Amino acid sequence: MSSFILGQMQALTNSQKLQYSQATAIFTRVQAYNNTIRGKRLAGNKEVSYYVFADNTEKTMFTLGQFILTQNDPSNASLYATVKQI
């Protein structure tokens, strides 16, 4: 499970902390995958595909993870931009 910066988030329940940790872990995992694919595509391999979410819940968690990371680490918000797909 990935850790995230809590920032100004106070009085979170344990279930919220768990959900937010899972969301940031999904975001980090998908971003890492897509960064690898982007590098391969830039190198000329157009046969590889970007990550496809298993379902809408996973996509929602990805978006939540991105929001949490951006909100709690605004000085590094550019690190949490979605990988541009080429």
PDB file of N, CA and C in Angstrom:
ATOM      1  N   MET A   1       0.845  -1.179   0.000  1.00  0.00           N
ATOM      2  CA  MET A   1       0.000   0.000   0.000  1.00  0.00           C
ATOM      3  C   MET A   1       0.890   1.243   0.000  1.00  0.00           C
ATOM      4  N   SER A   2       0.538   2.179  -0.803  1.00  0.00           N
ATOM      5  CA  SER A   2       1.308   3.416  -0.931  1.00  0.00           C
ATOM      6  C   SER A   2       0.936   4.397   0.176  1.00  0.00           C
ATOM      7  N   SER A   3       1.899   5.184   0.595  1.00  0.00           N
ATOM      8  CA  SER A   3       1.587   6.223   1.569  1.00  0.00           C
ATOM      9  C   SER A   3       1.358   7.530   0.814  1.00  0.00           C
ATOM     10  N   PHE A   4       0.646   8.416   1.422  1.00  0.00           N
ATOM     11  CA  PHE A   4       0.386   9.707   0.797  1.00  0.00           C
ATOM     12  C   PHE A   4       0.496  10.786   1.848  1.00  0.00           C
ATOM     13  N   ILE A   5       0.686  11.984   1.376  1.00  0.00           N
ATOM     14  CA  ILE A   5       0.815  13.127   2.265  1.00  0.00           C
ATOM     15  C   ILE A   5      -0.575  13.530   2.748  1.00  0.00           C
ATOM     16  N   LEU A   6      -0.783  13.530   4.046  1.00  0.00           N
ATOM     17  CA  LEU A   6      -2.093  13.885   4.585  1.00  0.00           C
ATOM     18  C   LEU A   6      -2.378  15.378   4.487  1.00  0.00           C
ATOM     19  N   GLY A   7      -1.322  16.187   4.503  1.00  0.00           N
ATOM     20  CA  GLY A   7      -1.529  17.633   4.394  1.00  0.00           C
ATOM     21  C   GLY A   7      -2.489  18.146   5.438  1.00  0.00           C
ATOM     22  N   GLN A   8      -3.498  18.843   5.012  1.00  0.00           N
ATOM     23  CA  GLN A   8      -4.468  19.442   5.913  1.00  0.00           C
ATOM     24  C   GLN A   8      -5.644  18.515   6.224  1.00  0.00           C
ATOM     25  N   MET A   9      -5.569  17.274   5.771  1.00  0.00           N
ATOM     26  CA  MET A   9      -6.666  16.337   6.007  1.00  0.00           C
ATOM     27  C   MET A   9      -6.624  15.898   7.471  1.00  0.00           C
ATOM     28  N   GLN A  10      -7.643  16.280   8.210  1.00  0.00           N
ATOM     29  CA  GLN A  10      -7.690  15.966   9.630  1.00  0.00           C
ATOM     30  C   GLN A  10      -8.963  15.186   9.938  1.00  0.00           C
ATOM     31  N   ALA A  11      -8.927  14.482  11.046  1.00  0.00           N
ATOM     32  CA  ALA A  11     -10.088  13.742  11.546  1.00  0.00           C
ATOM     33  C   ALA A  11     -10.603  12.720  10.546  1.00  0.00           C
ATOM     34  N   LEU A  12      -9.696  12.046   9.865  1.00  0.00           N
ATOM     35  CA  LEU A  12     -10.102  10.988   8.952  1.00  0.00           C
ATOM     36  C   LEU A  12     -10.376   9.715   9.736  1.00  0.00           C
ATOM     37  N   THR A  13     -11.380   8.993   9.316  1.00  0.00           N
ATOM     38  CA  THR A  13     -11.627   7.687   9.918  1.00  0.00           C
ATOM     39  C   THR A  13     -10.616   6.700   9.344  1.00  0.00           C
ATOM     40  N   ASN A  14     -10.487   5.567   9.997  1.00  0.00           N
ATOM     41  CA  ASN A  14      -9.582   4.538   9.482  1.00  0.00           C
ATOM     42  C   ASN A  14     -10.006   4.069   8.094  1.00  0.00           C
ATOM     43  N   SER A  15     -11.306   3.975   7.859  1.00  0.00           N
ATOM     44  CA  SER A  15     -11.775   3.541   6.539  1.00  0.00           C
ATOM     45  C   SER A  15     -11.457   4.591   5.472  1.00  0.00           C
ATOM     46  N   GLN A  16     -11.533   5.868   5.819  1.00  0.00           N
ATOM     47  CA  GLN A  16     -11.152   6.915   4.865  1.00  0.00           C
ATOM     48  C   GLN A  16      -9.660   6.835   4.556  1.00  0.00           C
ATOM     49  N   LYS A  17      -8.837   6.655   5.590  1.00  0.00           N
ATOM     50  CA  LYS A  17      -7.396   6.530   5.361  1.00  0.00           C
ATOM     51  C   LYS A  17      -7.099   5.344   4.455  1.00  0.00           C
ATOM     52  N   LEU A  18      -7.778   4.234   4.684  1.00  0.00           N
ATOM     53  CA  LEU A  18      -7.589   3.050   3.855  1.00  0.00           C
ATOM     54  C   LEU A  18      -8.015   3.319   2.415  1.00  0.00           C
ATOM     55  N   GLN A  19      -9.188   3.923   2.242  1.00  0.00           N
ATOM     56  CA  GLN A  19      -9.678   4.227   0.897  1.00  0.00           C
ATOM     57  C   GLN A  19      -8.731   5.191   0.175  1.00  0.00           C
ATOM     58  N   TYR A  20      -8.271   6.220   0.856  1.00  0.00           N
ATOM     59  CA  TYR A  20      -7.378   7.196   0.243  1.00  0.00           C
ATOM     60  C   TYR A  20      -6.019   6.569  -0.083  1.00  0.00           C
ATOM     61  N   SER A  21      -5.559   5.689   0.781  1.00  0.00           N
ATOM     62  CA  SER A  21      -4.305   4.989   0.499  1.00  0.00           C
ATOM     63  C   SER A  21      -4.446   4.099  -0.727  1.00  0.00           C
ATOM     64  N   GLN A  22      -5.567   3.389  -0.817  1.00  0.00           N
ATOM     65  CA  GLN A  22      -5.812   2.538  -1.978  1.00  0.00           C
ATOM     66  C   GLN A  22      -5.925   3.375  -3.249  1.00  0.00           C
ATOM     67  N   ALA A  23      -6.595   4.512  -3.164  1.00  0.00           N
ATOM     68  CA  ALA A  23      -6.766   5.377  -4.329  1.00  0.00           C
ATOM     69  C   ALA A  23      -5.417   5.913  -4.818  1.00  0.00           C
ATOM     70  N   THR A  24      -4.575   6.345  -3.899  1.00  0.00           N
ATOM     71  CA  THR A  24      -3.271   6.867  -4.317  1.00  0.00           C
ATOM     72  C   THR A  24      -2.389   5.745  -4.853  1.00  0.00           C
ATOM     73  N   ALA A  25      -2.545   4.538  -4.314  1.00  0.00           N
ATOM     74  CA  ALA A  25      -1.781   3.395  -4.828  1.00  0.00           C
ATOM     75  C   ALA A  25      -2.205   3.061  -6.253  1.00  0.00           C
ATOM     76  N   ILE A  26      -3.497   3.103  -6.528  1.00  0.00           N
ATOM     77  CA  ILE A  26      -3.988   2.849  -7.888  1.00  0.00           C
ATOM     78  C   ILE A  26      -3.464   3.922  -8.824  1.00  0.00           C
ATOM     79  N   PHE A  27      -3.550   5.178  -8.415  1.00  0.00           N
ATOM     80  CA  PHE A  27      -3.048   6.257  -9.266  1.00  0.00           C
ATOM     81  C   PHE A  27      -1.568   6.060  -9.576  1.00  0.00           C
ATOM     82  N   THR A  28      -0.779   5.778  -8.560  1.00  0.00           N
ATOM     83  CA  THR A  28       0.668   5.610  -8.737  1.00  0.00           C
ATOM     84  C   THR A  28       0.986   4.430  -9.652  1.00  0.00           C
ATOM     85  N   ARG A  29       0.272   3.321  -9.467  1.00  0.00           N
ATOM     86  CA  ARG A  29       0.503   2.125 -10.283  1.00  0.00           C
ATOM     87  C   ARG A  29       0.157   2.373 -11.754  1.00  0.00           C
ATOM     88  N   VAL A  30      -0.991   2.987 -11.999  1.00  0.00           N
ATOM     89  CA  VAL A  30      -1.418   3.247 -13.380  1.00  0.00           C
ATOM     90  C   VAL A  30      -0.486   4.259 -14.039  1.00  0.00           C
ATOM     91  N   GLN A  31      -0.086   5.289 -13.309  1.00  0.00           N
ATOM     92  CA  GLN A  31       0.842   6.285 -13.862  1.00  0.00           C
ATOM     93  C   GLN A  31       2.178   5.646 -14.239  1.00  0.00           C
ATOM     94  N   ALA A  32       2.686   4.779 -13.380  1.00  0.00           N
ATOM     95  CA  ALA A  32       3.955   4.108 -13.667  1.00  0.00           C
ATOM     96  C   ALA A  32       3.822   3.242 -14.919  1.00  0.00           C
ATOM     97  N   TYR A  33       2.744   2.511 -15.016  1.00  0.00           N
ATOM     98  CA  TYR A  33       2.493   1.675 -16.192  1.00  0.00           C
ATOM     99  C   TYR A  33       2.427   2.539 -17.457  1.00  0.00           C
ATOM    100  N   ASN A  34       1.619   3.597 -17.396  1.00  0.00           N
ATOM    101  CA  ASN A  34       1.450   4.451 -18.571  1.00  0.00           C
ATOM    102  C   ASN A  34       2.733   5.194 -18.946  1.00  0.00           C
ATOM    103  N   ASN A  35       3.541   5.555 -17.952  1.00  0.00           N
ATOM    104  CA  ASN A  35       4.840   6.177 -18.264  1.00  0.00           C
ATOM    105  C   ASN A  35       5.737   5.212 -19.029  1.00  0.00           C
ATOM    106  N   THR A  36       5.727   3.947 -18.626  1.00  0.00           N
ATOM    107  CA  THR A  36       6.511   2.927 -19.330  1.00  0.00           C
ATOM    108  C   THR A  36       6.017   2.766 -20.764  1.00  0.00           C
ATOM    109  N   ILE A  37       4.705   2.686 -20.925  1.00  0.00           N
ATOM    110  CA  ILE A  37       4.117   2.534 -22.267  1.00  0.00           C
ATOM    111  C   ILE A  37       4.439   3.756 -23.116  1.00  0.00           C
ATOM    112  N   ARG A  38       4.345   4.940 -22.538  1.00  0.00           N
ATOM    113  CA  ARG A  38       4.647   6.165 -23.289  1.00  0.00           C
ATOM    114  C   ARG A  38       6.084   6.134 -23.792  1.00  0.00           C
ATOM    115  N   GLY A  39       7.015   5.707 -22.944  1.00  0.00           N
ATOM    116  CA  GLY A  39       8.413   5.596 -23.361  1.00  0.00           C
ATOM    117  C   GLY A  39       8.589   4.627 -24.512  1.00  0.00           C
ATOM    118  N   LYS A  40       7.914   3.487 -24.446  1.00  0.00           N
ATOM    119  CA  LYS A  40       7.992   2.501 -25.526  1.00  0.00           C
ATOM    120  C   LYS A  40       7.393   3.044 -26.816  1.00  0.00           C
ATOM    121  N   ARG A  41       6.300   3.773 -26.710  1.00  0.00           N
ATOM    122  CA  ARG A  41       5.664   4.339 -27.910  1.00  0.00           C
ATOM    123  C   ARG A  41       6.533   5.443 -28.519  1.00  0.00           C
ATOM    124  N   LEU A  42       7.166   6.243 -27.654  1.00  0.00           N
ATOM    125  CA  LEU A  42       8.084   7.268 -28.164  1.00  0.00           C
ATOM    126  C   LEU A  42       9.284   6.635 -28.868  1.00  0.00           C
ATOM    127  N   ALA A  43       9.661   5.434 -28.418  1.00  0.00           N
ATOM    128  CA  ALA A  43      10.782   4.717 -29.030  1.00  0.00           C
ATOM    129  C   ALA A  43      10.360   4.013 -30.325  1.00  0.00           C
ATOM    130  N   GLY A  44       9.081   4.097 -30.655  1.00  0.00           N
ATOM    131  CA  GLY A  44       8.624   3.551 -31.928  1.00  0.00           C
ATOM    132  C   GLY A  44       7.734   2.331 -31.842  1.00  0.00           C
ATOM    133  N   ASN A  45       7.554   1.761 -30.659  1.00  0.00           N
ATOM    134  CA  ASN A  45       6.715   0.576 -30.516  1.00  0.00           C
ATOM    135  C   ASN A  45       5.264   1.002 -30.333  1.00  0.00           C
ATOM    136  N   LYS A  46       4.521   0.999 -31.410  1.00  0.00           N
ATOM    137  CA  LYS A  46       3.114   1.419 -31.359  1.00  0.00           C
ATOM    138  C   LYS A  46       2.172   0.255 -31.075  1.00  0.00           C
ATOM    139  N   GLU A  47       2.709  -0.922 -30.837  1.00  0.00           N
ATOM    140  CA  GLU A  47       1.902  -2.113 -30.579  1.00  0.00           C
ATOM    141  C   GLU A  47       1.443  -2.202 -29.120  1.00  0.00           C
ATOM    142  N   VAL A  48       2.104  -1.482 -28.224  1.00  0.00           N
ATOM    143  CA  VAL A  48       1.759  -1.551 -26.803  1.00  0.00           C
ATOM    144  C   VAL A  48       0.615  -0.578 -26.492  1.00  0.00           C
ATOM    145  N   SER A  49      -0.192  -0.948 -25.525  1.00  0.00           N
ATOM    146  CA  SER A  49      -1.373  -0.143 -25.195  1.00  0.00           C
ATOM    147  C   SER A  49      -1.274   0.424 -23.784  1.00  0.00           C
ATOM    148  N   TYR A  50      -1.898   1.562 -23.606  1.00  0.00           N
ATOM    149  CA  TYR A  50      -1.985   2.178 -22.304  1.00  0.00           C
ATOM    150  C   TYR A  50      -2.926   1.367 -21.412  1.00  0.00           C
ATOM    151  N   TYR A  51      -2.867   1.639 -20.131  1.00  0.00           N
ATOM    152  CA  TYR A  51      -3.660   0.907 -19.153  1.00  0.00           C
ATOM    153  C   TYR A  51      -5.149   1.067 -19.444  1.00  0.00           C
ATOM    154  N   VAL A  52      -5.879  -0.033 -19.316  1.00  0.00           N
ATOM    155  CA  VAL A  52      -7.336  -0.024 -19.447  1.00  0.00           C
ATOM    156  C   VAL A  52      -7.898  -0.381 -18.078  1.00  0.00           C
ATOM    157  N   PHE A  53      -8.726   0.498 -17.555  1.00  0.00           N
ATOM    158  CA  PHE A  53      -9.300   0.271 -16.234  1.00  0.00           C
ATOM    159  C   PHE A  53     -10.211  -0.946 -16.250  1.00  0.00           C
ATOM    160  N   ALA A  54     -10.144  -1.715 -15.167  1.00  0.00           N
ATOM    161  CA  ALA A  54     -10.948  -2.931 -15.052  1.00  0.00           C
ATOM    162  C   ALA A  54     -12.441  -2.608 -15.011  1.00  0.00           C
ATOM    163  N   ASP A  55     -12.762  -1.494 -14.367  1.00  0.00           N
ATOM    164  CA  ASP A  55     -14.163  -1.087 -14.255  1.00  0.00           C
ATOM    165  C   ASP A  55     -14.222   0.390 -13.858  1.00  0.00           C
ATOM    166  N   ASN A  56     -15.424   0.894 -13.759  1.00  0.00           N
ATOM    167  CA  ASN A  56     -15.598   2.306 -13.429  1.00  0.00           C
ATOM    168  C   ASN A  56     -15.127   2.619 -12.008  1.00  0.00           C
ATOM    169  N   THR A  57     -15.233   1.665 -11.098  1.00  0.00           N
ATOM    170  CA  THR A  57     -14.769   1.876  -9.722  1.00  0.00           C
ATOM    171  C   THR A  57     -13.269   2.129  -9.694  1.00  0.00           C
ATOM    172  N   GLU A  58     -12.512   1.336 -10.457  1.00  0.00           N
ATOM    173  CA  GLU A  58     -11.062   1.539 -10.505  1.00  0.00           C
ATOM    174  C   GLU A  58     -10.723   2.899 -11.097  1.00  0.00           C
ATOM    175  N   LYS A  59     -11.445   3.292 -12.132  1.00  0.00           N
ATOM    176  CA  LYS A  59     -11.208   4.604 -12.750  1.00  0.00           C
ATOM    177  C   LYS A  59     -11.536   5.722 -11.763  1.00  0.00           C
ATOM    178  N   THR A  60     -12.617   5.563 -11.011  1.00  0.00           N
ATOM    179  CA  THR A  60     -12.996   6.557 -10.007  1.00  0.00           C
ATOM    180  C   THR A  60     -11.928   6.652  -8.921  1.00  0.00           C
ATOM    181  N   MET A  61     -11.409   5.504  -8.492  1.00  0.00           N
ATOM    182  CA  MET A  61     -10.350   5.492  -7.477  1.00  0.00           C
ATOM    183  C   MET A  61      -9.081   6.160  -8.010  1.00  0.00           C
ATOM    184  N   PHE A  62      -8.764   5.945  -9.279  1.00  0.00           N
ATOM    185  CA  PHE A  62      -7.620   6.602  -9.920  1.00  0.00           C
ATOM    186  C   PHE A  62      -7.777   8.120  -9.823  1.00  0.00           C
ATOM    187  N   THR A  63      -8.949   8.603 -10.185  1.00  0.00           N
ATOM    188  CA  THR A  63      -9.224  10.045 -10.148  1.00  0.00           C
ATOM    189  C   THR A  63      -9.161  10.575  -8.720  1.00  0.00           C
ATOM    190  N   LEU A  64      -9.695   9.828  -7.775  1.00  0.00           N
ATOM    191  CA  LEU A  64      -9.635  10.224  -6.372  1.00  0.00           C
ATOM    192  C   LEU A  64      -8.181  10.290  -5.899  1.00  0.00           C
ATOM    193  N   GLY A  65      -7.397   9.299  -6.261  1.00  0.00           N
ATOM    194  CA  GLY A  65      -5.982   9.302  -5.887  1.00  0.00           C
ATOM    195  C   GLY A  65      -5.246  10.510  -6.437  1.00  0.00           C
ATOM    196  N   GLN A  66      -5.521  10.836  -7.687  1.00  0.00           N
ATOM    197  CA  GLN A  66      -4.900  12.009  -8.309  1.00  0.00           C
ATOM    198  C   GLN A  66      -5.309  13.277  -7.566  1.00  0.00           C
ATOM    199  N   PHE A  67      -6.572  13.395  -7.228  1.00  0.00           N
ATOM    200  CA  PHE A  67      -7.072  14.563  -6.506  1.00  0.00           C
ATOM    201  C   PHE A  67      -6.410  14.691  -5.132  1.00  0.00           C
ATOM    202  N   ILE A  68      -6.346  13.584  -4.406  1.00  0.00           N
ATOM    203  CA  ILE A  68      -5.762  13.606  -3.063  1.00  0.00           C
ATOM    204  C   ILE A  68      -4.298  14.033  -3.119  1.00  0.00           C
ATOM    205  N   LEU A  69      -3.545  13.440  -4.038  1.00  0.00           N
ATOM    206  CA  LEU A  69      -2.124  13.784  -4.148  1.00  0.00           C
ATOM    207  C   LEU A  69      -1.929  15.244  -4.529  1.00  0.00           C
ATOM    208  N   THR A  70      -2.723  15.727  -5.465  1.00  0.00           N
ATOM    209  CA  THR A  70      -2.619  17.119  -5.905  1.00  0.00           C
ATOM    210  C   THR A  70      -3.019  18.078  -4.789  1.00  0.00           C
ATOM    211  N   GLN A  71      -4.093  17.761  -4.103  1.00  0.00           N
ATOM    212  CA  GLN A  71      -4.590  18.612  -3.017  1.00  0.00           C
ATOM    213  C   GLN A  71      -3.594  18.690  -1.867  1.00  0.00           C
ATOM    214  N   ASN A  72      -2.965  17.591  -1.554  1.00  0.00           N
ATOM    215  CA  ASN A  72      -2.104  17.542  -0.372  1.00  0.00           C
ATOM    216  C   ASN A  72      -0.638  17.826  -0.669  1.00  0.00           C
ATOM    217  N   ASP A  73      -0.307  17.992  -1.917  1.00  0.00           N
ATOM    218  CA  ASP A  73       1.072  18.322  -2.299  1.00  0.00           C
ATOM    219  C   ASP A  73       1.035  19.310  -3.473  1.00  0.00           C
ATOM    220  N   PRO A  74       0.414  20.486  -3.278  1.00  0.00           N
ATOM    221  CA  PRO A  74       0.204  21.413  -4.386  1.00  0.00           C
ATOM    222  C   PRO A  74       1.496  21.913  -5.027  1.00  0.00           C
ATOM    223  N   SER A  75       2.570  21.977  -4.277  1.00  0.00           N
ATOM    224  CA  SER A  75       3.823  22.465  -4.867  1.00  0.00           C
ATOM    225  C   SER A  75       4.381  21.482  -5.894  1.00  0.00           C
ATOM    226  N   ASN A  76       3.932  20.239  -5.848  1.00  0.00           N
ATOM    227  CA  ASN A  76       4.366  19.235  -6.821  1.00  0.00           C
ATOM    228  C   ASN A  76       3.209  18.733  -7.676  1.00  0.00           C
ATOM    229  N   ALA A  77       2.183  19.546  -7.818  1.00  0.00           N
ATOM    230  CA  ALA A  77       0.977  19.127  -8.537  1.00  0.00           C
ATOM    231  C   ALA A  77       1.276  18.643  -9.955  1.00  0.00           C
ATOM    232  N   SER A  78       2.283  19.198 -10.591  1.00  0.00           N
ATOM    233  CA  SER A  78       2.595  18.780 -11.964  1.00  0.00           C
ATOM    234  C   SER A  78       3.026  17.317 -12.031  1.00  0.00           C
ATOM    235  N   LEU A  79       3.503  16.763 -10.924  1.00  0.00           N
ATOM    236  CA  LEU A  79       3.901  15.355 -10.885  1.00  0.00           C
ATOM    237  C   LEU A  79       2.680  14.430 -11.004  1.00  0.00           C
ATOM    238  N   TYR A  80       1.512  14.967 -10.717  1.00  0.00           N
ATOM    239  CA  TYR A  80       0.315  14.150 -10.678  1.00  0.00           C
ATOM    240  C   TYR A  80      -0.593  14.356 -11.903  1.00  0.00           C
ATOM    241  N   ALA A  81      -0.048  15.010 -12.919  1.00  0.00           N
ATOM    242  CA  ALA A  81      -0.795  15.167 -14.161  1.00  0.00           C
ATOM    243  C   ALA A  81      -0.893  13.802 -14.840  1.00  0.00           C
ATOM    244  N   THR A  82      -2.017  13.535 -15.453  1.00  0.00           N
ATOM    245  CA  THR A  82      -2.208  12.279 -16.155  1.00  0.00           C
ATOM    246  C   THR A  82      -1.219  12.175 -17.312  1.00  0.00           C
ATOM    247  N   VAL A  83      -0.663  10.979 -17.493  1.00  0.00           N
ATOM    248  CA  VAL A  83       0.287  10.747 -18.577  1.00  0.00           C
ATOM    249  C   VAL A  83      -0.391  11.028 -19.910  1.00  0.00           C
ATOM    250  N   LYS A  84       0.257  11.841 -20.733  1.00  0.00           N
ATOM    251  CA  LYS A  84      -0.297  12.116 -22.064  1.00  0.00           C
ATOM    252  C   LYS A  84      -0.116  10.891 -22.939  1.00  0.00           C
ATOM    253  N   GLN A  85      -1.207  10.459 -23.499  1.00  0.00           N
ATOM    254  CA  GLN A  85      -1.141   9.281 -24.353  1.00  0.00           C
ATOM    255  C   GLN A  85      -0.891   9.705 -25.791  1.00  0.00           C
ATOM    256  N   ILE A  86       0.136   9.071 -26.392  1.00  0.00           N
ATOM    257  CA  ILE A  86       0.472   9.393 -27.781  1.00  0.00           C
ATOM    258  C   ILE A  86       0.243   8.191 -28.668  1.00  0.00           C
TER     259      ILE A  86
END
